[in-house]
Amino acid sequence: MPSPVRADALPEFHQYVDEGCEYYPRCLACPLDRCRFDVAGGIRVLRNVARDLAIINEHRRQRLPIHVIAYRHDVSPRTVFRILQVAQRAVA
């Protein structure tokens, strides 16, 4: 039998202050898919996911050389190779 929900635990009975974080001033209007507080590693991990997808796209679709991709994303060529290797493993 499910436990009864306390009336004072419902969201409509709480005063919510939308303070945001250092990345975006309002949580409810944040452009991120997931909250930086919900992801281990925070905002760095969320930004790296978008960067990694762009690197994979540039390598596969645009056929750009590794050094050009590295320069565009301000990372080392080794980082680009690592990202592409992880992507290759995920496909296999």
PDB file of N, CA and C in Angstrom:
ATOM      1  N   MET A   1       0.844  -1.174   0.000  1.00  0.00           N
ATOM      2  CA  MET A   1       0.000   0.000   0.000  1.00  0.00           C
ATOM      3  C   MET A   1       0.897   1.247   0.000  1.00  0.00           C
ATOM      4  N   PRO A   2       0.670   2.170  -0.949  1.00  0.00           N
ATOM      5  CA  PRO A   2       1.501   3.369  -1.010  1.00  0.00           C
ATOM      6  C   PRO A   2       1.301   4.253   0.215  1.00  0.00           C
ATOM      7  N   SER A   3       2.372   4.890   0.627  1.00  0.00           N
ATOM      8  CA  SER A   3       2.260   5.785   1.784  1.00  0.00           C
ATOM      9  C   SER A   3       1.569   7.078   1.361  1.00  0.00           C
ATOM     10  N   PRO A   4       0.777   7.654   2.243  1.00  0.00           N
ATOM     11  CA  PRO A   4       0.085   8.902   1.893  1.00  0.00           C
ATOM     12  C   PRO A   4       1.092  10.050   1.761  1.00  0.00           C
ATOM     13  N   VAL A   5       0.817  10.960   0.864  1.00  0.00           N
ATOM     14  CA  VAL A   5       1.672  12.120   0.634  1.00  0.00           C
ATOM     15  C   VAL A   5       1.257  13.235   1.570  1.00  0.00           C
ATOM     16  N   ARG A   6       2.239  13.766   2.264  1.00  0.00           N
ATOM     17  CA  ARG A   6       1.932  14.870   3.163  1.00  0.00           C
ATOM     18  C   ARG A   6       1.595  16.114   2.348  1.00  0.00           C
ATOM     19  N   ALA A   7       0.595  16.833   2.752  1.00  0.00           N
ATOM     20  CA  ALA A   7       0.166  18.023   2.015  1.00  0.00           C
ATOM     21  C   ALA A   7       1.250  19.095   1.986  1.00  0.00           C
ATOM     22  N   ASP A   8       2.022  19.211   3.077  1.00  0.00           N
ATOM     23  CA  ASP A   8       3.045  20.255   3.112  1.00  0.00           C
ATOM     24  C   ASP A   8       4.289  19.872   2.313  1.00  0.00           C
ATOM     25  N   ALA A   9       4.342  18.659   1.761  1.00  0.00           N
ATOM     26  CA  ALA A   9       5.480  18.238   0.955  1.00  0.00           C
ATOM     27  C   ALA A   9       5.262  18.521  -0.533  1.00  0.00           C
ATOM     28  N   LEU A  10       4.089  18.898  -0.915  1.00  0.00           N
ATOM     29  CA  LEU A  10       3.788  19.158  -2.312  1.00  0.00           C
ATOM     30  C   LEU A  10       4.441  20.459  -2.775  1.00  0.00           C
ATOM     31  N   PRO A  11       4.907  20.491  -4.022  1.00  0.00           N
ATOM     32  CA  PRO A  11       5.617  21.687  -4.502  1.00  0.00           C
ATOM     33  C   PRO A  11       4.795  22.965  -4.467  1.00  0.00           C
ATOM     34  N   GLU A  12       3.508  22.857  -4.647  1.00  0.00           N
ATOM     35  CA  GLU A  12       2.695  24.076  -4.670  1.00  0.00           C
ATOM     36  C   GLU A  12       2.595  24.748  -3.302  1.00  0.00           C
ATOM     37  N   PHE A  13       3.041  24.060  -2.238  1.00  0.00           N
ATOM     38  CA  PHE A  13       3.007  24.646  -0.901  1.00  0.00           C
ATOM     39  C   PHE A  13       4.362  25.190  -0.466  1.00  0.00           C
ATOM     40  N   HIS A  14       5.322  25.236  -1.384  1.00  0.00           N
ATOM     41  CA  HIS A  14       6.661  25.725  -1.059  1.00  0.00           C
ATOM     42  C   HIS A  14       6.972  26.970  -1.867  1.00  0.00           C
ATOM     43  N   GLN A  15       7.657  27.887  -1.229  1.00  0.00           N
ATOM     44  CA  GLN A  15       8.121  29.091  -1.907  1.00  0.00           C
ATOM     45  C   GLN A  15       9.442  28.756  -2.588  1.00  0.00           C
ATOM     46  N   TYR A  16       9.473  28.771  -3.923  1.00  0.00           N
ATOM     47  CA  TYR A  16      10.690  28.449  -4.680  1.00  0.00           C
ATOM     48  C   TYR A  16      11.324  29.725  -5.180  1.00  0.00           C
ATOM     49  N   VAL A  17      12.585  29.904  -4.867  1.00  0.00           N
ATOM     50  CA  VAL A  17      13.332  31.066  -5.328  1.00  0.00           C
ATOM     51  C   VAL A  17      14.286  30.578  -6.420  1.00  0.00           C
ATOM     52  N   ASP A  18      14.094  31.078  -7.624  1.00  0.00           N
ATOM     53  CA  ASP A  18      14.892  30.661  -8.769  1.00  0.00           C
ATOM     54  C   ASP A  18      16.180  31.477  -8.808  1.00  0.00           C
ATOM     55  N   GLU A  19      17.224  30.975  -8.130  1.00  0.00           N
ATOM     56  CA  GLU A  19      18.478  31.708  -8.015  1.00  0.00           C
ATOM     57  C   GLU A  19      19.493  31.334  -9.079  1.00  0.00           C
ATOM     58  N   GLY A  20      19.297  30.217  -9.740  1.00  0.00           N
ATOM     59  CA  GLY A  20      20.239  29.809 -10.772  1.00  0.00           C
ATOM     60  C   GLY A  20      21.582  29.392 -10.204  1.00  0.00           C
ATOM     61  N   CYS A  21      22.611  29.531 -11.023  1.00  0.00           N
ATOM     62  CA  CYS A  21      23.973  29.188 -10.607  1.00  0.00           C
ATOM     63  C   CYS A  21      24.929  30.149 -11.304  1.00  0.00           C
ATOM     64  N   GLU A  22      26.229  29.871 -11.187  1.00  0.00           N
ATOM     65  CA  GLU A  22      27.193  30.762 -11.828  1.00  0.00           C
ATOM     66  C   GLU A  22      27.167  30.655 -13.348  1.00  0.00           C
ATOM     67  N   TYR A  23      26.556  29.589 -13.873  1.00  0.00           N
ATOM     68  CA  TYR A  23      26.480  29.423 -15.324  1.00  0.00           C
ATOM     69  C   TYR A  23      25.308  30.191 -15.923  1.00  0.00           C
ATOM     70  N   TYR A  24      24.143  30.115 -15.275  1.00  0.00           N
ATOM     71  CA  TYR A  24      22.952  30.778 -15.809  1.00  0.00           C
ATOM     72  C   TYR A  24      22.147  31.328 -14.635  1.00  0.00           C
ATOM     73  N   PRO A  25      21.648  32.538 -14.712  1.00  0.00           N
ATOM     74  CA  PRO A  25      21.019  33.177 -13.551  1.00  0.00           C
ATOM     75  C   PRO A  25      19.663  32.608 -13.137  1.00  0.00           C
ATOM     76  N   ARG A  26      18.978  31.882 -14.028  1.00  0.00           N
ATOM     77  CA  ARG A  26      17.658  31.345 -13.686  1.00  0.00           C
ATOM     78  C   ARG A  26      17.577  29.877 -14.077  1.00  0.00           C
ATOM     79  N   CYS A  27      17.320  29.010 -13.114  1.00  0.00           N
ATOM     80  CA  CYS A  27      17.233  27.565 -13.365  1.00  0.00           C
ATOM     81  C   CYS A  27      16.134  27.230 -14.374  1.00  0.00           C
ATOM     82  N   LEU A  28      14.983  27.872 -14.231  1.00  0.00           N
ATOM     83  CA  LEU A  28      13.838  27.523 -15.063  1.00  0.00           C
ATOM     84  C   LEU A  28      13.988  27.964 -16.517  1.00  0.00           C
ATOM     85  N   ALA A  29      14.983  28.791 -16.818  1.00  0.00           N
ATOM     86  CA  ALA A  29      15.230  29.223 -18.194  1.00  0.00           C
ATOM     87  C   ALA A  29      16.607  28.770 -18.686  1.00  0.00           C
ATOM     88  N   CYS A  30      17.237  27.861 -17.976  1.00  0.00           N
ATOM     89  CA  CYS A  30      18.588  27.405 -18.311  1.00  0.00           C
ATOM     90  C   CYS A  30      18.589  26.630 -19.628  1.00  0.00           C
ATOM     91  N   PRO A  31      19.583  26.873 -20.499  1.00  0.00           N
ATOM     92  CA  PRO A  31      19.635  26.185 -21.789  1.00  0.00           C
ATOM     93  C   PRO A  31      20.180  24.753 -21.718  1.00  0.00           C
ATOM     94  N   LEU A  32      20.747  24.357 -20.584  1.00  0.00           N
ATOM     95  CA  LEU A  32      21.309  23.009 -20.470  1.00  0.00           C
ATOM     96  C   LEU A  32      20.207  21.954 -20.409  1.00  0.00           C
ATOM     97  N   ASP A  33      20.500  20.780 -20.974  1.00  0.00           N
ATOM     98  CA  ASP A  33      19.534  19.682 -20.931  1.00  0.00           C
ATOM     99  C   ASP A  33      19.367  19.141 -19.518  1.00  0.00           C
ATOM    100  N   ARG A  34      20.452  19.120 -18.764  1.00  0.00           N
ATOM    101  CA  ARG A  34      20.431  18.640 -17.387  1.00  0.00           C
ATOM    102  C   ARG A  34      21.078  19.680 -16.494  1.00  0.00           C
ATOM    103  N   CYS A  35      20.669  19.711 -15.250  1.00  0.00           N
ATOM    104  CA  CYS A  35      21.239  20.659 -14.295  1.00  0.00           C
ATOM    105  C   CYS A  35      22.681  20.282 -13.992  1.00  0.00           C
ATOM    106  N   ARG A  36      23.546  21.282 -13.899  1.00  0.00           N
ATOM    107  CA  ARG A  36      24.949  21.027 -13.609  1.00  0.00           C
ATOM    108  C   ARG A  36      25.134  20.364 -12.247  1.00  0.00           C
ATOM    109  N   PHE A  37      24.204  20.543 -11.328  1.00  0.00           N
ATOM    110  CA  PHE A  37      24.289  19.929 -10.014  1.00  0.00           C
ATOM    111  C   PHE A  37      23.880  18.454 -10.045  1.00  0.00           C
ATOM    112  N   ASP A  38      23.189  18.026 -11.089  1.00  0.00           N
ATOM    113  CA  ASP A  38      22.749  16.640 -11.208  1.00  0.00           C
ATOM    114  C   ASP A  38      23.767  15.747 -11.899  1.00  0.00           C
ATOM    115  N   VAL A  39      24.837  16.318 -12.413  1.00  0.00           N
ATOM    116  CA  VAL A  39      25.833  15.570 -13.180  1.00  0.00           C
ATOM    117  C   VAL A  39      27.151  15.561 -12.415  1.00  0.00           C
ATOM    118  N   ALA A  40      27.722  14.372 -12.229  1.00  0.00           N
ATOM    119  CA  ALA A  40      29.034  14.292 -11.591  1.00  0.00           C
ATOM    120  C   ALA A  40      30.043  15.005 -12.480  1.00  0.00           C
ATOM    121  N   GLY A  41      30.772  15.921 -11.913  1.00  0.00           N
ATOM    122  CA  GLY A  41      31.723  16.709 -12.702  1.00  0.00           C
ATOM    123  C   GLY A  41      31.175  18.071 -13.085  1.00  0.00           C
ATOM    124  N   GLY A  42      29.867  18.251 -12.940  1.00  0.00           N
ATOM    125  CA  GLY A  42      29.247  19.554 -13.148  1.00  0.00           C
ATOM    126  C   GLY A  42      29.271  20.090 -14.566  1.00  0.00           C
ATOM    127  N   ILE A  43      29.444  21.393 -14.674  1.00  0.00           N
ATOM    128  CA  ILE A  43      29.331  22.096 -15.947  1.00  0.00           C
ATOM    129  C   ILE A  43      30.422  21.666 -16.920  1.00  0.00           C
ATOM    130  N   ARG A  44      31.604  21.308 -16.413  1.00  0.00           N
ATOM    131  CA  ARG A  44      32.698  20.885 -17.286  1.00  0.00           C
ATOM    132  C   ARG A  44      32.294  19.658 -18.095  1.00  0.00           C
ATOM    133  N   VAL A  45      31.679  18.698 -17.455  1.00  0.00           N
ATOM    134  CA  VAL A  45      31.244  17.480 -18.143  1.00  0.00           C
ATOM    135  C   VAL A  45      30.177  17.809 -19.185  1.00  0.00           C
ATOM    136  N   LEU A  46      29.222  18.655 -18.834  1.00  0.00           N
ATOM    137  CA  LEU A  46      28.162  19.016 -19.785  1.00  0.00           C
ATOM    138  C   LEU A  46      28.722  19.742 -21.002  1.00  0.00           C
ATOM    139  N   ARG A  47      29.666  20.628 -20.783  1.00  0.00           N
ATOM    140  CA  ARG A  47      30.283  21.338 -21.916  1.00  0.00           C
ATOM    141  C   ARG A  47      31.120  20.387 -22.769  1.00  0.00           C
ATOM    142  N   ASN A  48      31.815  19.463 -22.125  1.00  0.00           N
ATOM    143  CA  ASN A  48      32.646  18.520 -22.872  1.00  0.00           C
ATOM    144  C   ASN A  48      31.819  17.591 -23.749  1.00  0.00           C
ATOM    145  N   VAL A  49      30.632  17.238 -23.319  1.00  0.00           N
ATOM    146  CA  VAL A  49      29.763  16.380 -24.136  1.00  0.00           C
ATOM    147  C   VAL A  49      29.427  17.086 -25.444  1.00  0.00           C
ATOM    148  N   ALA A  50      29.062  18.346 -25.369  1.00  0.00           N
ATOM    149  CA  ALA A  50      28.745  19.111 -26.577  1.00  0.00           C
ATOM    150  C   ALA A  50      29.984  19.272 -27.448  1.00  0.00           C
ATOM    151  N   ARG A  51      31.120  19.553 -26.834  1.00  0.00           N
ATOM    152  CA  ARG A  51      32.376  19.687 -27.582  1.00  0.00           C
ATOM    153  C   ARG A  51      32.738  18.379 -28.272  1.00  0.00           C
ATOM    154  N   ASP A  52      32.611  17.273 -27.556  1.00  0.00           N
ATOM    155  CA  ASP A  52      32.962  15.969 -28.122  1.00  0.00           C
ATOM    156  C   ASP A  52      32.073  15.614 -29.312  1.00  0.00           C
ATOM    157  N   LEU A  53      30.792  15.914 -29.216  1.00  0.00           N
ATOM    158  CA  LEU A  53      29.892  15.650 -30.342  1.00  0.00           C
ATOM    159  C   LEU A  53      30.265  16.497 -31.560  1.00  0.00           C
ATOM    160  N   ALA A  54      30.655  17.739 -31.322  1.00  0.00           N
ATOM    161  CA  ALA A  54      31.079  18.603 -32.428  1.00  0.00           C
ATOM    162  C   ALA A  54      32.362  18.073 -33.068  1.00  0.00           C
ATOM    163  N   ILE A  55      33.287  17.597 -32.251  1.00  0.00           N
ATOM    164  CA  ILE A  55      34.541  17.043 -32.773  1.00  0.00           C
ATOM    165  C   ILE A  55      34.271  15.803 -33.609  1.00  0.00           C
ATOM    166  N   ILE A  56      33.428  14.922 -33.123  1.00  0.00           N
ATOM    167  CA  ILE A  56      33.085  13.702 -33.870  1.00  0.00           C
ATOM    168  C   ILE A  56      32.421  14.066 -35.193  1.00  0.00           C
ATOM    169  N   ASN A  57      31.510  15.023 -35.160  1.00  0.00           N
ATOM    170  CA  ASN A  57      30.826  15.473 -36.371  1.00  0.00           C
ATOM    171  C   ASN A  57      31.808  16.059 -37.387  1.00  0.00           C
ATOM    172  N   GLU A  58      32.707  16.908 -36.922  1.00  0.00           N
ATOM    173  CA  GLU A  58      33.671  17.530 -37.826  1.00  0.00           C
ATOM    174  C   GLU A  58      34.601  16.494 -38.453  1.00  0.00           C
ATOM    175  N   HIS A  59      34.939  15.481 -37.687  1.00  0.00           N
ATOM    176  CA  HIS A  59      35.838  14.455 -38.225  1.00  0.00           C
ATOM    177  C   HIS A  59      35.122  13.544 -39.221  1.00  0.00           C
ATOM    178  N   ARG A  60      33.917  13.121 -38.868  1.00  0.00           N
ATOM    179  CA  ARG A  60      33.190  12.157 -39.718  1.00  0.00           C
ATOM    180  C   ARG A  60      32.549  12.793 -40.941  1.00  0.00           C
ATOM    181  N   ARG A  61      31.879  13.916 -40.763  1.00  0.00           N
ATOM    182  CA  ARG A  61      31.114  14.513 -41.866  1.00  0.00           C
ATOM    183  C   ARG A  61      31.930  15.487 -42.700  1.00  0.00           C
ATOM    184  N   GLN A  62      32.709  16.309 -42.021  1.00  0.00           N
ATOM    185  CA  GLN A  62      33.455  17.338 -42.748  1.00  0.00           C
ATOM    186  C   GLN A  62      34.853  16.876 -43.137  1.00  0.00           C
ATOM    187  N   ARG A  63      35.297  15.750 -42.591  1.00  0.00           N
ATOM    188  CA  ARG A  63      36.617  15.183 -42.915  1.00  0.00           C
ATOM    189  C   ARG A  63      37.759  16.173 -42.673  1.00  0.00           C
ATOM    190  N   LEU A  64      37.646  16.927 -41.589  1.00  0.00           N
ATOM    191  CA  LEU A  64      38.704  17.882 -41.264  1.00  0.00           C
ATOM    192  C   LEU A  64      39.894  17.155 -40.651  1.00  0.00           C
ATOM    193  N   PRO A  65      41.098  17.646 -40.888  1.00  0.00           N
ATOM    194  CA  PRO A  65      42.287  17.051 -40.273  1.00  0.00           C
ATOM    195  C   PRO A  65      42.264  17.227 -38.745  1.00  0.00           C
ATOM    196  N   ILE A  66      42.926  16.326 -38.061  1.00  0.00           N
ATOM    197  CA  ILE A  66      42.945  16.334 -36.598  1.00  0.00           C
ATOM    198  C   ILE A  66      43.485  17.655 -36.056  1.00  0.00           C
ATOM    199  N   HIS A  67      44.568  18.170 -36.632  1.00  0.00           N
ATOM    200  CA  HIS A  67      45.158  19.397 -36.092  1.00  0.00           C
ATOM    201  C   HIS A  67      44.224  20.600 -36.261  1.00  0.00           C
ATOM    202  N   VAL A  68      43.416  20.611 -37.297  1.00  0.00           N
ATOM    203  CA  VAL A  68      42.454  21.704 -37.497  1.00  0.00           C
ATOM    204  C   VAL A  68      41.335  21.608 -36.452  1.00  0.00           C
ATOM    205  N   ILE A  69      40.847  20.398 -36.224  1.00  0.00           N
ATOM    206  CA  ILE A  69      39.803  20.195 -35.205  1.00  0.00           C
ATOM    207  C   ILE A  69      40.335  20.595 -33.829  1.00  0.00           C
ATOM    208  N   ALA A  70      41.552  20.178 -33.521  1.00  0.00           N
ATOM    209  CA  ALA A  70      42.160  20.518 -32.227  1.00  0.00           C
ATOM    210  C   ALA A  70      42.275  22.024 -32.057  1.00  0.00           C
ATOM    211  N   TYR A  71      42.692  22.711 -33.099  1.00  0.00           N
ATOM    212  CA  TYR A  71      42.839  24.167 -33.029  1.00  0.00           C
ATOM    213  C   TYR A  71      41.483  24.840 -32.823  1.00  0.00           C
ATOM    214  N   ARG A  72      40.460  24.388 -33.544  1.00  0.00           N
ATOM    215  CA  ARG A  72      39.120  24.985 -33.430  1.00  0.00           C
ATOM    216  C   ARG A  72      38.540  24.872 -32.027  1.00  0.00           C
ATOM    217  N   HIS A  73      38.834  23.767 -31.350  1.00  0.00           N
ATOM    218  CA  HIS A  73      38.233  23.512 -30.028  1.00  0.00           C
ATOM    219  C   HIS A  73      39.204  23.771 -28.883  1.00  0.00           C
ATOM    220  N   ASP A  74      40.376  24.298 -29.221  1.00  0.00           N
ATOM    221  CA  ASP A  74      41.380  24.653 -28.220  1.00  0.00           C
ATOM    222  C   ASP A  74      41.752  23.461 -27.332  1.00  0.00           C
ATOM    223  N   VAL A  75      41.977  22.326 -27.970  1.00  0.00           N
ATOM    224  CA  VAL A  75      42.435  21.121 -27.283  1.00  0.00           C
ATOM    225  C   VAL A  75      43.655  20.583 -28.043  1.00  0.00           C
ATOM    226  N   SER A  76      44.321  19.612 -27.449  1.00  0.00           N
ATOM    227  CA  SER A  76      45.477  19.019 -28.119  1.00  0.00           C
ATOM    228  C   SER A  76      45.013  17.972 -29.139  1.00  0.00           C
ATOM    229  N   PRO A  77      45.851  17.661 -30.124  1.00  0.00           N
ATOM    230  CA  PRO A  77      45.498  16.597 -31.066  1.00  0.00           C
ATOM    231  C   PRO A  77      45.273  15.265 -30.353  1.00  0.00           C
ATOM    232  N   ARG A  78      46.022  15.035 -29.287  1.00  0.00           N
ATOM    233  CA  ARG A  78      45.834  13.793 -28.524  1.00  0.00           C
ATOM    234  C   ARG A  78      44.423  13.709 -27.942  1.00  0.00           C
ATOM    235  N   THR A  79      43.900  14.828 -27.457  1.00  0.00           N
ATOM    236  CA  THR A  79      42.526  14.852 -26.934  1.00  0.00           C
ATOM    237  C   THR A  79      41.530  14.502 -28.030  1.00  0.00           C
ATOM    238  N   VAL A  80      41.749  15.019 -29.223  1.00  0.00           N
ATOM    239  CA  VAL A  80      40.870  14.700 -30.355  1.00  0.00           C
ATOM    240  C   VAL A  80      40.927  13.204 -30.651  1.00  0.00           C
ATOM    241  N   PHE A  81      42.136  12.644 -30.671  1.00  0.00           N
ATOM    242  CA  PHE A  81      42.271  11.203 -30.903  1.00  0.00           C
ATOM    243  C   PHE A  81      41.545  10.399 -29.829  1.00  0.00           C
ATOM    244  N   ARG A  82      41.670  10.816 -28.567  1.00  0.00           N
ATOM    245  CA  ARG A  82      40.984  10.117 -27.470  1.00  0.00           C
ATOM    246  C   ARG A  82      39.468  10.158 -27.645  1.00  0.00           C
ATOM    247  N   ILE A  83      38.946  11.315 -27.985  1.00  0.00           N
ATOM    248  CA  ILE A  83      37.491  11.462 -28.179  1.00  0.00           C
ATOM    249  C   ILE A  83      37.019  10.565 -29.307  1.00  0.00           C
ATOM    250  N   LEU A  84      37.756  10.537 -30.399  1.00  0.00           N
ATOM    251  CA  LEU A  84      37.378   9.708 -31.546  1.00  0.00           C
ATOM    252  C   LEU A  84      37.501   8.217 -31.218  1.00  0.00           C
ATOM    253  N   GLN A  85      38.481   7.863 -30.399  1.00  0.00           N
ATOM    254  CA  GLN A  85      38.640   6.471 -29.999  1.00  0.00           C
ATOM    255  C   GLN A  85      37.473   6.007 -29.129  1.00  0.00           C
ATOM    256  N   VAL A  86      37.061   6.828 -28.188  1.00  0.00           N
ATOM    257  CA  VAL A  86      35.906   6.502 -27.332  1.00  0.00           C
ATOM    258  C   VAL A  86      34.657   6.357 -28.179  1.00  0.00           C
ATOM    259  N   ALA A  87      34.481   7.242 -29.138  1.00  0.00           N
ATOM    260  CA  ALA A  87      33.306   7.170 -30.036  1.00  0.00           C
ATOM    261  C   ALA A  87      33.342   5.893 -30.862  1.00  0.00           C
ATOM    262  N   GLN A  88      34.514   5.512 -31.318  1.00  0.00           N
ATOM    263  CA  GLN A  88      34.655   4.293 -32.116  1.00  0.00           C
ATOM    264  C   GLN A  88      34.303   3.060 -31.285  1.00  0.00           C
ATOM    265  N   ARG A  89      34.742   3.041 -30.028  1.00  0.00           N
ATOM    266  CA  ARG A  89      34.418   1.919 -29.133  1.00  0.00           C
ATOM    267  C   ARG A  89      32.912   1.835 -28.880  1.00  0.00           C
ATOM    268  N   ALA A  90      32.271   2.992 -28.765  1.00  0.00           N
ATOM    269  CA  ALA A  90      30.832   3.009 -28.493  1.00  0.00           C
ATOM    270  C   ALA A  90      30.035   2.448 -29.658  1.00  0.00           C
ATOM    271  N   VAL A  91      30.531   2.638 -30.875  1.00  0.00           N
ATOM    272  CA  VAL A  91      29.847   2.134 -32.066  1.00  0.00           C
ATOM    273  C   VAL A  91      30.047   0.634 -32.199  1.00  0.00           C
ATOM    274  N   ALA A  92      31.231   0.160 -31.860  1.00  0.00           N
ATOM    275  CA  ALA A  92      31.562  -1.269 -32.031  1.00  0.00           C
ATOM    276  C   ALA A  92      30.894  -2.153 -31.023  1.00  0.00           C
TER     277      ALA A  92
END
